[in-house]
Amino acid sequence: MTPPSSGHEPSCESFGAIEPWVHRILVPIDFSEASWEALKQAIPIARLMMAKITLLYVCQAQLVATEFAHLPDQEFSIRKPSEDKLKALAHRRIPSELLANIIVRNGVAYDEIVKAALEHKIDLIVINTRGNTGLKHALLGSTTERVVRHAPCPVLVIRERCHA
């Protein structure tokens, strides 16, 4: 039995057509199988919402043993191959009408993901549950957990496939 209506509840007709609210999707890629799965899930969402996908790869800062300083040549030698690999991935896996940007940054992954979301006015981040594991995860915590806590927009977390 349904409760009597007060007359103040909105009807289905009052909402009208639902407008897509996602126009820009950010998919952080770390070249792991789990990040490919996140990208696979983001593509149909982008199609459905008529949104564009931005791919982001974050090169982790490398310390040089001498003086613990960052050298620009070292940074370029790490960044350029990653950028080439990300561009190749984008052109192979994402229909051109869905691709907005390819971004490669240096820094701490969760921080750069949040910054990119802000700078590019991202509406949705699609991210995998894990890429790197083990000691690094135990010491630094999960990048995904930190993104969820600090992101300026909704975050869709894609679990790794369960194998039964």
C-alpha atoms as a PDB file:
ATOM      1  CA  MET A   1       0.000   0.000   0.000  1.00  0.00           C
ATOM      2  CA  THR A   2       1.416   3.397  -0.961  1.00  0.00           C
ATOM      3  CA  PRO A   3       1.193   6.356   1.397  1.00  0.00           C
ATOM      4  CA  PRO A   4      -1.131   9.188   0.393  1.00  0.00           C
ATOM      5  CA  SER A   5       0.467  11.915  -1.689  1.00  0.00           C
ATOM      6  CA  SER A   6       0.953  15.362  -0.202  1.00  0.00           C
ATOM      7  CA  GLY A   7       0.864  16.826  -3.685  1.00  0.00           C
ATOM      8  CA  HIS A   8       4.399  18.188  -3.316  1.00  0.00           C
ATOM      9  CA  GLU A   9       6.328  15.238  -4.731  1.00  0.00           C
ATOM     10  CA  PRO A  10       7.788  15.815  -8.194  1.00  0.00           C
ATOM     11  CA  SER A  11       6.318  13.670 -10.924  1.00  0.00           C
ATOM     12  CA  CYS A  12       8.347  11.948 -13.626  1.00  0.00           C
ATOM     13  CA  GLU A  13       7.015  14.481 -16.120  1.00  0.00           C
ATOM     14  CA  SER A  14       8.384  17.439 -14.103  1.00  0.00           C
ATOM     15  CA  PHE A  15      11.979  16.282 -14.645  1.00  0.00           C
ATOM     16  CA  GLY A  16      11.746  16.207 -18.431  1.00  0.00           C
ATOM     17  CA  ALA A  17      14.567  14.737 -20.480  1.00  0.00           C
ATOM     18  CA  ILE A  18      17.725  13.927 -18.578  1.00  0.00           C
ATOM     19  CA  GLU A  19      20.660  15.897 -19.902  1.00  0.00           C
ATOM     20  CA  PRO A  20      24.089  14.252 -19.909  1.00  0.00           C
ATOM     21  CA  TRP A  21      26.110  15.747 -17.080  1.00  0.00           C
ATOM     22  CA  VAL A  22      29.417  14.166 -18.010  1.00  0.00           C
ATOM     23  CA  HIS A  23      31.241  16.018 -20.770  1.00  0.00           C
ATOM     24  CA  ARG A  24      34.870  15.392 -19.815  1.00  0.00           C
ATOM     25  CA  ILE A  25      36.224  12.087 -18.477  1.00  0.00           C
ATOM     26  CA  LEU A  26      39.731  11.634 -17.071  1.00  0.00           C
ATOM     27  CA  VAL A  27      41.280   8.168 -17.207  1.00  0.00           C
ATOM     28  CA  PRO A  28      44.618   7.867 -15.404  1.00  0.00           C
ATOM     29  CA  ILE A  29      46.788   5.201 -17.043  1.00  0.00           C
ATOM     30  CA  ASP A  30      49.762   3.441 -15.453  1.00  0.00           C
ATOM     31  CA  PHE A  31      50.101   0.850 -18.247  1.00  0.00           C
ATOM     32  CA  SER A  32      48.897  -1.942 -15.947  1.00  0.00           C
ATOM     33  CA  GLU A  33      46.166  -4.396 -16.961  1.00  0.00           C
ATOM     34  CA  ALA A  34      43.881  -2.812 -14.376  1.00  0.00           C
ATOM     35  CA  SER A  35      44.212   0.626 -15.973  1.00  0.00           C
ATOM     36  CA  TRP A  36      43.334  -0.870 -19.396  1.00  0.00           C
ATOM     37  CA  GLU A  37      40.149  -2.181 -17.776  1.00  0.00           C
ATOM     38  CA  ALA A  38      39.285   1.313 -16.528  1.00  0.00           C
ATOM     39  CA  LEU A  39      39.770   2.676 -20.043  1.00  0.00           C
ATOM     40  CA  LYS A  40      37.590  -0.094 -21.508  1.00  0.00           C
ATOM     41  CA  GLN A  41      34.809   0.929 -19.109  1.00  0.00           C
ATOM     42  CA  ALA A  42      35.228   4.667 -19.800  1.00  0.00           C
ATOM     43  CA  ILE A  43      34.729   4.350 -23.568  1.00  0.00           C
ATOM     44  CA  PRO A  44      31.050   3.268 -23.508  1.00  0.00           C
ATOM     45  CA  ILE A  45      30.336   5.883 -20.830  1.00  0.00           C
ATOM     46  CA  ALA A  46      31.847   8.540 -23.092  1.00  0.00           C
ATOM     47  CA  ARG A  47      29.743   7.310 -26.019  1.00  0.00           C
ATOM     48  CA  LEU A  48      26.550   7.300 -23.964  1.00  0.00           C
ATOM     49  CA  MET A  49      27.173  10.748 -22.497  1.00  0.00           C
ATOM     50  CA  MET A  50      28.667  12.215 -25.682  1.00  0.00           C
ATOM     51  CA  ALA A  51      31.753  13.006 -23.601  1.00  0.00           C
ATOM     52  CA  LYS A  52      35.450  13.284 -24.392  1.00  0.00           C
ATOM     53  CA  ILE A  53      38.207  11.243 -22.745  1.00  0.00           C
ATOM     54  CA  THR A  54      41.459  12.671 -21.458  1.00  0.00           C
ATOM     55  CA  LEU A  55      44.244  10.165 -20.755  1.00  0.00           C
ATOM     56  CA  LEU A  56      46.767  10.970 -18.062  1.00  0.00           C
ATOM     57  CA  TYR A  57      50.041   9.254 -17.217  1.00  0.00           C
ATOM     58  CA  VAL A  58      52.086  10.433 -14.243  1.00  0.00           C
ATOM     59  CA  CYS A  59      55.834   9.808 -14.270  1.00  0.00           C
ATOM     60  CA  GLN A  60      56.887   9.305 -10.676  1.00  0.00           C
ATOM     61  CA  ALA A  61      59.628  11.704  -9.627  1.00  0.00           C
ATOM     62  CA  GLN A  62      63.045  10.079  -9.794  1.00  0.00           C
ATOM     63  CA  LEU A  63      65.774  11.015  -7.350  1.00  0.00           C
ATOM     64  CA  VAL A  64      69.317  11.183  -8.575  1.00  0.00           C
ATOM     65  CA  ALA A  65      71.799   9.711  -6.104  1.00  0.00           C
ATOM     66  CA  THR A  66      74.143  12.677  -6.363  1.00  0.00           C
ATOM     67  CA  GLU A  67      72.745  15.603  -4.401  1.00  0.00           C
ATOM     68  CA  PHE A  68      69.227  14.089  -4.463  1.00  0.00           C
ATOM     69  CA  ALA A  69      68.233  16.499  -7.221  1.00  0.00           C
ATOM     70  CA  HIS A  70      66.078  16.200 -10.293  1.00  0.00           C
ATOM     71  CA  LEU A  71      67.883  16.543 -13.605  1.00  0.00           C
ATOM     72  CA  PRO A  72      65.893  17.870 -16.591  1.00  0.00           C
ATOM     73  CA  ASP A  73      67.565  15.422 -19.015  1.00  0.00           C
ATOM     74  CA  GLN A  74      66.586  12.503 -16.824  1.00  0.00           C
ATOM     75  CA  GLU A  75      63.027  13.815 -16.617  1.00  0.00           C
ATOM     76  CA  PHE A  76      62.801  14.071 -20.427  1.00  0.00           C
ATOM     77  CA  SER A  77      64.277  10.590 -20.909  1.00  0.00           C
ATOM     78  CA  ILE A  78      61.494   9.146 -18.740  1.00  0.00           C
ATOM     79  CA  ARG A  79      58.669  11.373 -19.968  1.00  0.00           C
ATOM     80  CA  LYS A  80      59.157  11.132 -23.757  1.00  0.00           C
ATOM     81  CA  PRO A  81      58.847   7.320 -24.070  1.00  0.00           C
ATOM     82  CA  SER A  82      55.798   7.403 -21.778  1.00  0.00           C
ATOM     83  CA  GLU A  83      54.203  10.102 -23.901  1.00  0.00           C
ATOM     84  CA  ASP A  84      54.851   8.121 -27.101  1.00  0.00           C
ATOM     85  CA  LYS A  85      53.435   4.945 -25.536  1.00  0.00           C
ATOM     86  CA  LEU A  86      50.318   6.806 -24.316  1.00  0.00           C
ATOM     87  CA  LYS A  87      49.718   8.377 -27.734  1.00  0.00           C
ATOM     88  CA  ALA A  88      49.999   4.976 -29.417  1.00  0.00           C
ATOM     89  CA  LEU A  89      47.565   3.502 -26.891  1.00  0.00           C
ATOM     90  CA  ALA A  90      45.102   6.324 -27.419  1.00  0.00           C
ATOM     91  CA  HIS A  91      45.124   5.966 -31.195  1.00  0.00           C
ATOM     92  CA  ARG A  92      44.716   2.166 -30.977  1.00  0.00           C
ATOM     93  CA  ARG A  93      42.038   1.964 -28.304  1.00  0.00           C
ATOM     94  CA  ILE A  94      39.994   5.179 -28.309  1.00  0.00           C
ATOM     95  CA  PRO A  95      37.820   6.291 -31.227  1.00  0.00           C
ATOM     96  CA  SER A  96      39.139   9.669 -32.400  1.00  0.00           C
ATOM     97  CA  GLU A  97      35.787  11.382 -31.811  1.00  0.00           C
ATOM     98  CA  LEU A  98      36.019  10.497 -28.099  1.00  0.00           C
ATOM     99  CA  LEU A  99      39.623  11.580 -27.463  1.00  0.00           C
ATOM    100  CA  ALA A 100      40.145  15.045 -25.990  1.00  0.00           C
ATOM    101  CA  ASN A 101      43.678  15.154 -24.583  1.00  0.00           C
ATOM    102  CA  ILE A 102      46.756  13.107 -23.820  1.00  0.00           C
ATOM    103  CA  ILE A 103      48.636  14.375 -20.784  1.00  0.00           C
ATOM    104  CA  VAL A 104      51.940  13.237 -19.295  1.00  0.00           C
ATOM    105  CA  ARG A 105      53.013  14.836 -16.042  1.00  0.00           C
ATOM    106  CA  ASN A 106      55.753  14.407 -13.474  1.00  0.00           C
ATOM    107  CA  GLY A 107      54.979  14.169  -9.796  1.00  0.00           C
ATOM    108  CA  VAL A 108      52.963  12.265  -7.226  1.00  0.00           C
ATOM    109  CA  ALA A 109      50.217  10.329  -9.010  1.00  0.00           C
ATOM    110  CA  TYR A 110      47.162  11.179  -6.897  1.00  0.00           C
ATOM    111  CA  ASP A 111      48.144  14.856  -6.665  1.00  0.00           C
ATOM    112  CA  GLU A 112      48.658  15.190 -10.428  1.00  0.00           C
ATOM    113  CA  ILE A 113      45.371  13.378 -11.134  1.00  0.00           C
ATOM    114  CA  VAL A 114      43.470  15.808  -8.886  1.00  0.00           C
ATOM    115  CA  LYS A 115      45.271  18.825 -10.398  1.00  0.00           C
ATOM    116  CA  ALA A 116      44.509  17.646 -13.948  1.00  0.00           C
ATOM    117  CA  ALA A 117      40.844  17.159 -13.027  1.00  0.00           C
ATOM    118  CA  LEU A 118      40.670  20.737 -11.769  1.00  0.00           C
ATOM    119  CA  GLU A 119      42.621  22.290 -14.643  1.00  0.00           C
ATOM    120  CA  HIS A 120      40.667  20.485 -17.364  1.00  0.00           C
ATOM    121  CA  LYS A 121      37.265  20.863 -15.660  1.00  0.00           C
ATOM    122  CA  ILE A 122      36.788  17.100 -15.579  1.00  0.00           C
ATOM    123  CA  ASP A 123      33.276  15.832 -14.756  1.00  0.00           C
ATOM    124  CA  LEU A 124      34.196  12.203 -14.001  1.00  0.00           C
ATOM    125  CA  ILE A 125      37.394  10.301 -13.197  1.00  0.00           C
ATOM    126  CA  VAL A 126      37.427   6.605 -14.146  1.00  0.00           C
ATOM    127  CA  ILE A 127      40.235   4.835 -12.315  1.00  0.00           C
ATOM    128  CA  ASN A 128      41.243   1.273 -11.502  1.00  0.00           C
ATOM    129  CA  THR A 129      41.415  -0.111  -7.981  1.00  0.00           C
ATOM    130  CA  ARG A 130      45.102  -0.816  -8.174  1.00  0.00           C
ATOM    131  CA  GLY A 131      48.130  -0.732 -10.396  1.00  0.00           C
ATOM    132  CA  ASN A 132      51.213  -0.990  -8.213  1.00  0.00           C
ATOM    133  CA  THR A 133      51.013  -3.265  -5.189  1.00  0.00           C
ATOM    134  CA  GLY A 134      53.151  -4.660  -2.436  1.00  0.00           C
ATOM    135  CA  LEU A 135      55.546  -2.602  -0.328  1.00  0.00           C
ATOM    136  CA  LYS A 136      54.934   0.589  -2.294  1.00  0.00           C
ATOM    137  CA  HIS A 137      51.206   0.349  -1.532  1.00  0.00           C
ATOM    138  CA  ALA A 138      51.834  -0.392   2.148  1.00  0.00           C
ATOM    139  CA  LEU A 139      54.121   2.622   2.554  1.00  0.00           C
ATOM    140  CA  LEU A 140      52.359   5.181   0.374  1.00  0.00           C
ATOM    141  CA  GLY A 141      48.734   4.083   0.449  1.00  0.00           C
ATOM    142  CA  SER A 142      46.501   3.639  -2.513  1.00  0.00           C
ATOM    143  CA  THR A 143      46.537   6.257  -5.251  1.00  0.00           C
ATOM    144  CA  THR A 144      42.881   5.447  -5.925  1.00  0.00           C
ATOM    145  CA  GLU A 145      41.919   6.011  -2.275  1.00  0.00           C
ATOM    146  CA  ARG A 146      43.600   9.404  -2.303  1.00  0.00           C
ATOM    147  CA  VAL A 147      42.003  10.399  -5.592  1.00  0.00           C
ATOM    148  CA  VAL A 148      38.562   9.511  -4.223  1.00  0.00           C
ATOM    149  CA  ARG A 149      39.201  11.645  -1.122  1.00  0.00           C
ATOM    150  CA  HIS A 150      40.573  14.707  -2.932  1.00  0.00           C
ATOM    151  CA  ALA A 151      38.928  14.739  -6.368  1.00  0.00           C
ATOM    152  CA  PRO A 152      36.825  17.754  -7.343  1.00  0.00           C
ATOM    153  CA  CYS A 153      34.349  15.512  -9.184  1.00  0.00           C
ATOM    154  CA  PRO A 154      32.785  12.041  -8.943  1.00  0.00           C
ATOM    155  CA  VAL A 155      35.181   9.093  -9.237  1.00  0.00           C
ATOM    156  CA  LEU A 156      34.144   5.773 -10.764  1.00  0.00           C
ATOM    157  CA  VAL A 157      36.377   3.052  -9.368  1.00  0.00           C
ATOM    158  CA  ILE A 158      36.747  -0.030 -11.574  1.00  0.00           C
ATOM    159  CA  ARG A 159      37.558  -3.224  -9.699  1.00  0.00           C
ATOM    160  CA  GLU A 160      39.868  -5.808 -11.087  1.00  0.00           C
ATOM    161  CA  ARG A 161      37.984  -8.659 -12.701  1.00  0.00           C
ATOM    162  CA  CYS A 162      37.249 -11.497 -10.291  1.00  0.00           C
ATOM    163  CA  HIS A 163      38.393 -14.883 -11.489  1.00  0.00           C
ATOM    164  CA  ALA A 164      36.148 -17.660 -10.181  1.00  0.00           C
END
